[in-house]
Protein backbone atom coordinates (compact mmCIF):
# COMPACT_ATOMS: atom_id res chain seq x y z
CA MET A 1 63.51 59.11 317.73
CA LEU A 2 65.66 56.19 318.69
CA SER A 3 68.68 55.84 316.41
CA ARG A 4 68.99 52.09 316.87
CA ARG A 5 66.17 49.65 316.80
CA GLU A 6 65.95 46.76 319.44
CA LEU A 7 66.63 43.79 317.76
CA LEU A 8 66.50 41.03 319.96
CA ARG A 9 63.85 40.24 322.74
CA ILE A 10 63.41 38.00 325.62
CA VAL A 11 60.79 35.62 324.15
CA ALA A 12 59.87 33.79 327.38
CA GLY A 13 61.17 35.70 330.48
CA VAL A 14 60.68 38.48 332.88
CA ALA A 15 58.32 40.96 331.15
CA LEU A 16 60.08 43.98 330.03
CA ALA A 17 59.27 47.22 331.75
CA PRO A 18 57.64 50.12 329.91
CA LEU A 19 60.19 52.63 328.47
CA THR A 20 59.71 55.11 331.15
CA GLY A 21 62.66 54.76 333.20
CA CYS A 22 60.87 53.67 336.16
CA VAL A 23 61.38 50.47 338.13
CA GLN A 24 58.74 47.96 338.65
CA ALA A 25 58.16 45.03 341.22
CA SER A 26 56.30 41.94 341.21
CA GLU A 27 56.92 39.65 344.01
CA SER A 28 60.56 38.96 344.04
CA GLN A 29 61.09 40.27 340.40
CA LEU A 30 62.43 43.67 339.68
CA SER A 31 62.90 45.21 336.27
CA ALA A 32 64.23 48.91 335.19
CA THR A 33 64.42 50.42 331.96
CA VAL A 34 66.88 53.37 331.29
CA PHE A 35 68.10 55.06 328.10
CA ASN A 36 71.85 54.87 327.62
CA PHE A 37 74.35 54.15 324.71
CA ASP A 38 71.76 55.71 322.22
CA THR A 39 69.80 52.51 323.49
CA VAL A 40 66.66 51.31 325.52
CA CYS A 41 68.28 49.32 328.01
CA THR A 42 66.29 46.89 330.12
CA ILE A 43 67.61 45.05 333.31
CA GLY A 44 65.33 42.60 335.17
CA GLY A 45 65.51 39.56 337.40
CA THR A 46 65.29 38.25 341.09
CA MET A 47 67.37 40.90 343.00
CA PRO A 48 67.12 43.36 345.82
CA GLN A 49 66.17 47.04 344.62
CA GLU A 50 69.66 48.18 345.83
CA VAL A 51 71.15 45.98 343.37
CA LEU A 52 69.19 46.98 340.46
CA ASP A 53 69.84 50.65 341.25
CA GLU A 54 73.51 49.83 341.26
CA ALA A 55 73.37 48.19 337.90
CA CYS A 56 71.42 51.13 336.25
CA ALA A 57 73.88 53.71 337.84
CA LEU A 58 76.56 51.53 336.15
CA CYS A 59 74.92 52.26 332.92
CA GLU A 60 75.36 55.87 333.51
CA THR A 61 78.81 55.56 334.51
CA PHE A 62 79.91 53.82 331.32
CA GLU A 63 77.96 56.35 329.19
CA GLN A 64 80.17 58.93 331.03
CA LEU A 65 83.33 57.21 330.13
CA PHE A 66 82.88 55.59 326.63
CA SER A 67 80.62 58.11 324.93
CA ARG A 68 82.42 59.78 321.84
CA THR A 69 80.13 62.86 322.09
CA ILE A 70 80.52 63.60 325.71
CA ALA A 71 83.71 65.84 325.59
CA THR A 72 84.37 65.13 329.33
CA SER A 73 84.36 61.40 328.63
CA ASP A 74 87.42 59.26 328.54
CA VAL A 75 87.11 58.82 324.88
CA GLY A 76 86.39 62.50 324.12
CA ARG A 77 89.44 63.54 326.15
CA ILE A 78 91.60 60.96 324.18
CA ASN A 79 90.15 62.09 320.75
CA ALA A 80 91.03 66.05 321.89
CA ALA A 81 94.42 65.49 323.22
CA ALA A 82 96.08 65.36 319.75
CA GLY A 83 98.44 62.78 320.38
CA GLU A 84 99.27 63.34 324.14
CA ALA A 85 99.14 60.63 326.57
CA VAL A 86 95.73 60.51 328.64
CA GLU A 87 95.09 58.92 331.90
CA VAL A 88 91.96 57.19 331.81
CA ASP A 89 89.50 54.70 333.98
CA SER A 90 90.93 51.12 334.11
CA ARG A 91 87.83 50.00 332.36
CA THR A 92 88.46 52.42 329.49
CA ALA A 93 91.83 51.14 329.14
CA ASP A 94 90.53 47.68 329.37
CA VAL A 95 88.07 47.85 326.70
CA ILE A 96 90.41 49.71 324.54
CA ARG A 97 93.04 47.02 324.88
CA LYS A 98 90.48 44.25 324.15
CA SER A 99 89.38 46.05 321.11
CA LEU A 100 92.84 46.02 319.61
CA ALA A 101 92.95 42.41 320.17
CA TYR A 102 89.85 42.07 317.98
CA SER A 103 91.45 44.32 315.35
CA GLU A 104 94.32 42.06 315.00
CA GLU A 105 92.36 39.04 314.99
CA SER A 106 90.28 40.31 312.23
CA ASP A 107 93.01 41.72 310.22
CA GLY A 108 91.72 45.31 310.76
CA LEU A 109 88.06 44.89 310.00
CA PHE A 110 87.00 45.79 313.21
CA ASP A 111 88.79 49.01 314.11
CA ILE A 112 87.91 51.40 316.83
CA THR A 113 89.93 54.25 315.05
CA ILE A 114 87.10 54.49 312.34
CA GLY A 115 85.95 57.52 314.66
CA SER A 116 87.35 60.13 312.12
CA VAL A 117 85.04 58.49 309.59
CA SER A 118 82.14 57.74 311.56
CA GLU A 119 81.94 61.10 312.92
CA LEU A 120 81.27 62.22 309.14
CA TRP A 121 78.01 60.16 308.59
CA ASP A 122 74.73 60.97 310.12
CA PHE A 123 72.50 58.08 309.92
CA THR A 124 69.59 59.86 311.78
CA GLU A 125 69.62 62.88 309.58
CA GLY A 126 70.60 61.00 306.42
CA VAL A 127 73.92 62.88 305.68
CA VAL A 128 76.36 61.29 303.19
CA PRO A 129 79.97 62.84 303.34
CA GLY A 130 81.80 63.74 300.49
CA GLU A 131 84.14 61.37 298.73
CA GLN A 132 87.09 63.98 299.51
CA ALA A 133 86.28 64.04 303.16
CA VAL A 134 85.88 60.41 303.37
CA ALA A 135 89.20 59.89 301.93
CA GLN A 136 91.26 62.09 303.94
CA ALA A 137 89.49 60.80 307.14
CA LEU A 138 90.86 57.16 306.15
CA GLU A 139 94.30 58.38 306.24
CA HIS A 140 93.91 58.47 309.89
CA VAL A 141 92.14 54.98 310.60
CA GLY A 142 94.42 52.29 311.90
CA TRP A 143 94.25 50.53 314.94
CA GLN A 144 97.97 50.14 315.08
CA SER A 145 98.20 53.87 316.18
CA VAL A 146 96.61 53.29 319.52
CA ARG A 147 98.97 52.49 322.60
CA VAL A 148 97.63 51.56 325.88
CA GLU A 149 100.15 51.39 328.83
CA GLY A 150 98.48 50.59 332.18
CA THR A 151 95.82 53.19 332.21
CA THR A 152 97.53 55.58 329.76
CA VAL A 153 96.16 55.79 326.28
CA ARG A 154 97.91 57.70 323.53
CA LEU A 155 97.19 57.93 319.69
CA LEU A 156 100.32 58.13 317.88
CA ASP A 157 98.32 59.91 315.07
CA PRO A 158 97.07 63.27 316.26
CA GLN A 159 94.07 63.08 313.77
CA THR A 160 93.05 59.78 314.85
CA ARG A 161 89.66 59.24 316.45
CA ILE A 162 88.56 56.42 318.44
CA ASP A 163 84.66 55.33 318.51
CA LEU A 164 83.94 52.49 320.86
CA GLY A 165 80.53 52.22 319.39
CA GLY A 166 81.07 48.77 317.89
CA ILE A 167 82.06 46.96 321.29
CA ALA A 168 80.86 49.23 324.09
CA LYS A 169 77.65 47.31 324.72
CA GLY A 170 79.23 44.16 324.88
CA TYR A 171 81.81 45.30 327.30
CA ILE A 172 79.08 46.92 329.32
CA ALA A 173 76.79 43.94 329.31
CA ASP A 174 79.28 41.58 330.82
CA ALA A 175 80.46 44.24 333.41
CA LEU A 176 76.52 44.29 334.51
CA VAL A 177 76.60 40.29 334.70
CA ASP A 178 79.94 40.59 336.75
CA LEU A 179 78.21 43.16 339.24
CA LEU A 180 75.07 41.08 339.42
CA ARG A 181 76.81 37.75 340.17
CA ALA A 182 78.91 39.60 342.69
CA ARG A 183 75.92 40.63 344.41
CA GLY A 184 74.40 37.13 344.53
CA VAL A 185 72.19 37.41 341.46
CA VAL A 186 71.43 33.82 340.19
CA SER A 187 68.62 34.76 337.49
CA ALA A 188 68.46 37.92 335.70
CA SER A 189 68.27 39.30 332.12
CA ILE A 190 69.94 42.11 330.30
CA ASN A 191 69.03 43.54 327.11
CA LEU A 192 71.05 46.36 325.66
CA GLY A 193 69.26 46.79 322.43
CA GLY A 194 71.24 44.27 319.91
CA ASN A 195 72.99 42.60 323.21
CA VAL A 196 71.04 40.33 325.38
CA VAL A 197 72.60 38.46 328.11
CA VAL A 198 71.29 36.28 330.90
CA ILE A 199 72.39 34.89 334.07
CA GLY A 200 71.28 31.51 335.04
CA ALA A 201 67.87 30.04 333.93
CA LYS A 202 64.50 31.78 334.50
CA PRO A 203 63.03 31.87 337.97
CA ASP A 204 61.24 28.47 337.11
CA GLY A 205 64.54 26.63 336.17
CA SER A 206 63.88 26.45 332.42
CA PRO A 207 66.18 28.19 329.97
CA TRP A 208 65.69 31.85 328.65
CA GLY A 209 64.45 31.84 324.99
CA VAL A 210 66.13 34.67 322.84
CA GLY A 211 64.42 35.35 319.56
CA VAL A 212 65.87 36.87 316.37
CA ARG A 213 63.98 39.00 314.45
CA ASP A 214 63.10 38.93 310.74
CA PRO A 215 65.43 41.08 309.09
CA ASP A 216 63.01 41.86 306.55
CA ASP A 217 60.63 43.04 308.88
CA PRO A 218 62.49 44.28 311.89
CA GLY A 219 60.00 46.65 313.16
CA ALA A 220 57.45 43.80 313.92
CA SER A 221 57.29 40.94 316.08
CA SER A 222 58.31 38.39 313.28
CA ILE A 223 60.78 35.79 314.88
CA ILE A 224 62.82 33.65 312.23
CA ALA A 225 64.93 31.74 315.02
CA LYS A 226 65.28 31.33 318.81
CA VAL A 227 68.11 30.04 320.82
CA ARG A 228 67.55 28.61 324.60
CA VAL A 229 70.24 30.29 326.72
CA THR A 230 71.34 29.43 330.35
CA ASP A 231 74.35 31.93 331.33
CA GLY A 232 75.21 33.36 327.78
CA SER A 233 74.95 36.19 325.53
CA VAL A 234 73.08 36.58 322.09
CA VAL A 235 74.34 39.48 320.07
CA THR A 236 72.71 40.67 316.82
CA SER A 237 73.85 43.40 314.15
CA GLY A 238 71.80 44.14 310.93
CA LEU A 239 72.01 46.59 308.11
CA TYR A 240 68.71 47.92 308.94
CA GLU A 241 69.35 49.03 312.64
CA ARG A 242 70.43 52.44 311.27
CA SER A 243 69.95 53.15 307.55
CA PHE A 244 68.60 55.68 305.06
CA GLU A 245 67.98 55.85 301.52
CA ARG A 246 69.64 58.64 299.37
CA ASP A 247 69.11 58.97 295.55
CA GLY A 248 68.04 55.28 295.27
CA ARG A 249 70.91 53.97 297.25
CA ARG A 250 70.52 52.57 300.82
CA PHE A 251 73.37 53.40 303.29
CA TRP A 252 73.78 51.45 306.56
CA HIS A 253 75.81 52.07 309.72
CA ILE A 254 78.46 49.17 309.59
CA LEU A 255 81.20 50.89 307.80
CA ASP A 256 84.24 49.24 306.20
CA PRO A 257 87.40 50.71 307.59
CA ARG A 258 89.01 49.92 304.47
CA THR A 259 86.72 52.41 302.35
CA GLY A 260 85.00 54.43 304.86
CA TYR A 261 81.70 53.53 303.44
CA PRO A 262 78.93 51.01 304.23
CA ALA A 263 80.27 47.38 303.99
CA GLU A 264 79.38 45.86 300.51
CA THR A 265 78.16 42.47 301.68
CA ASP A 266 75.63 39.46 300.99
CA VAL A 267 74.81 39.35 304.70
CA VAL A 268 72.02 41.51 306.11
CA SER A 269 71.79 40.08 309.64
CA ALA A 270 74.41 38.33 311.76
CA THR A 271 74.09 36.77 315.38
CA ILE A 272 76.38 35.48 317.55
CA TYR A 273 75.74 33.09 320.64
CA SER A 274 78.61 33.05 323.17
CA GLU A 275 79.62 33.04 326.72
CA ARG A 276 80.54 36.65 326.84
CA SER A 277 78.95 39.50 325.03
CA ILE A 278 81.97 41.21 324.06
CA ASP A 279 82.98 38.55 321.77
CA GLY A 280 79.57 38.85 320.02
CA ASP A 281 80.43 42.44 319.33
CA GLY A 282 84.11 41.83 318.33
CA CYS A 283 82.90 39.14 315.78
CA THR A 284 79.59 40.41 314.27
CA LYS A 285 80.77 43.54 312.45
CA PRO A 286 83.70 41.75 310.62
CA LEU A 287 81.39 39.07 309.32
CA PHE A 288 79.57 41.49 306.96
CA MET A 289 82.86 42.54 305.56
CA TRP A 290 83.87 38.59 305.00
CA GLY A 291 80.72 37.77 303.67
CA ALA A 292 78.66 34.57 304.65
CA ASP A 293 81.30 32.07 303.37
CA GLU A 294 84.20 33.47 304.78
CA ALA A 295 82.82 34.16 307.94
CA LEU A 296 81.38 30.57 308.51
CA HIS A 297 84.60 29.29 307.38
CA ARG A 298 86.55 31.53 309.84
CA LEU A 299 83.92 30.64 312.68
CA GLU A 300 84.75 27.02 312.45
CA ARG A 301 88.24 27.92 314.15
CA ARG A 302 86.13 29.22 317.20
CA PRO A 303 83.90 26.47 318.25
CA GLN A 304 83.03 28.39 321.26
CA LEU A 305 81.05 30.69 319.07
CA GLN A 306 77.63 30.00 317.31
CA ALA A 307 76.35 32.15 314.55
CA LEU A 308 73.33 32.59 312.73
CA ILE A 309 73.63 34.62 309.57
CA VAL A 310 70.94 35.92 307.17
CA THR A 311 71.78 36.76 303.68
CA LYS A 312 70.34 38.94 301.35
CA ASP A 313 68.40 36.16 299.32
CA GLY A 314 66.69 35.32 302.64
CA THR A 315 68.96 32.20 303.38
CA ILE A 316 69.59 31.30 306.98
CA ARG A 317 72.83 29.85 307.70
CA THR A 318 74.38 28.54 310.76
CA THR A 319 77.66 27.17 312.08
CA PRO A 320 77.85 23.32 312.64
CA ALA A 321 76.13 22.01 315.76
CA SER A 322 74.38 25.23 316.14
CA ASP A 323 71.84 25.42 319.05
CA PHE A 324 69.87 27.97 317.10
CA GLU A 325 66.19 26.75 316.10
CA THR A 326 65.03 28.33 312.91
CA LEU A 327 61.20 29.08 312.90
CA GLY A 328 60.45 30.62 309.39
CA GLY A 329 60.17 33.96 308.31
CA ALA A 330 63.20 33.88 306.03
CA SER A 331 64.08 30.81 303.92
């Protein structure tokens, strides 16, 4: 069973390959589907087979670097080092450095040191940790304890644990774009679950259409909004992506680093349209902690980011001059 639903889909682009891990070709169009980062990932576009293979291999490389559950990954080694300095891949150092910038910008509401808390929760099996365990883990959450110097990473608190799950896919999506562009690809789509990125326009020259699913019916094909994209990223995060109910209460995967529990919020779905996918990842999670009003107010200072927010009462709200086109499904 997949632990995270695919939220976004390409509405009018290259047909997504079936979930078999194989590669399909149709004239000059190629597409491949792999399973990495606990997510079904699809890469498609106009490119040679060897370029597509290289992109798929890069997904596996990042899995081996960033996974919190692989003991030999960079993240696994950092967490096991008990405060000792660890030499890591330059890409690992880079994503951690960028994560800390988002932490500072969000006043700590985005925090990769949530790992000591997130490892207590199991949203697949429906495990709710005890209050004492959460309280003890919270003592070791704090992005200020992470030090990055060149390609060396050190955790000042030996019991701090980092978790790149909130930003890894954005970073990886951007790296895939950089790779494909470097190989001369001018038309492609990348779908990493909640992160969709496109290169150029569709082969016929028209923009890609990226749809946002109805958070009240995420398993169906209901689309409440869409945006036409040429060279850009659309990232959506929703409370329903990984959630379960226990004793009449629903728990979702977006944890508040101040409490260690799911965010208390009026936002059920947040979508960011931006040039780079990492910006979408770095901004969507704090939106839930801020709430709709504060989130939209803060985004006014970042006009390069467009947002669509769905609140618990079904209202769809967007930033000024947004390119999102609402289609119904929420009101």
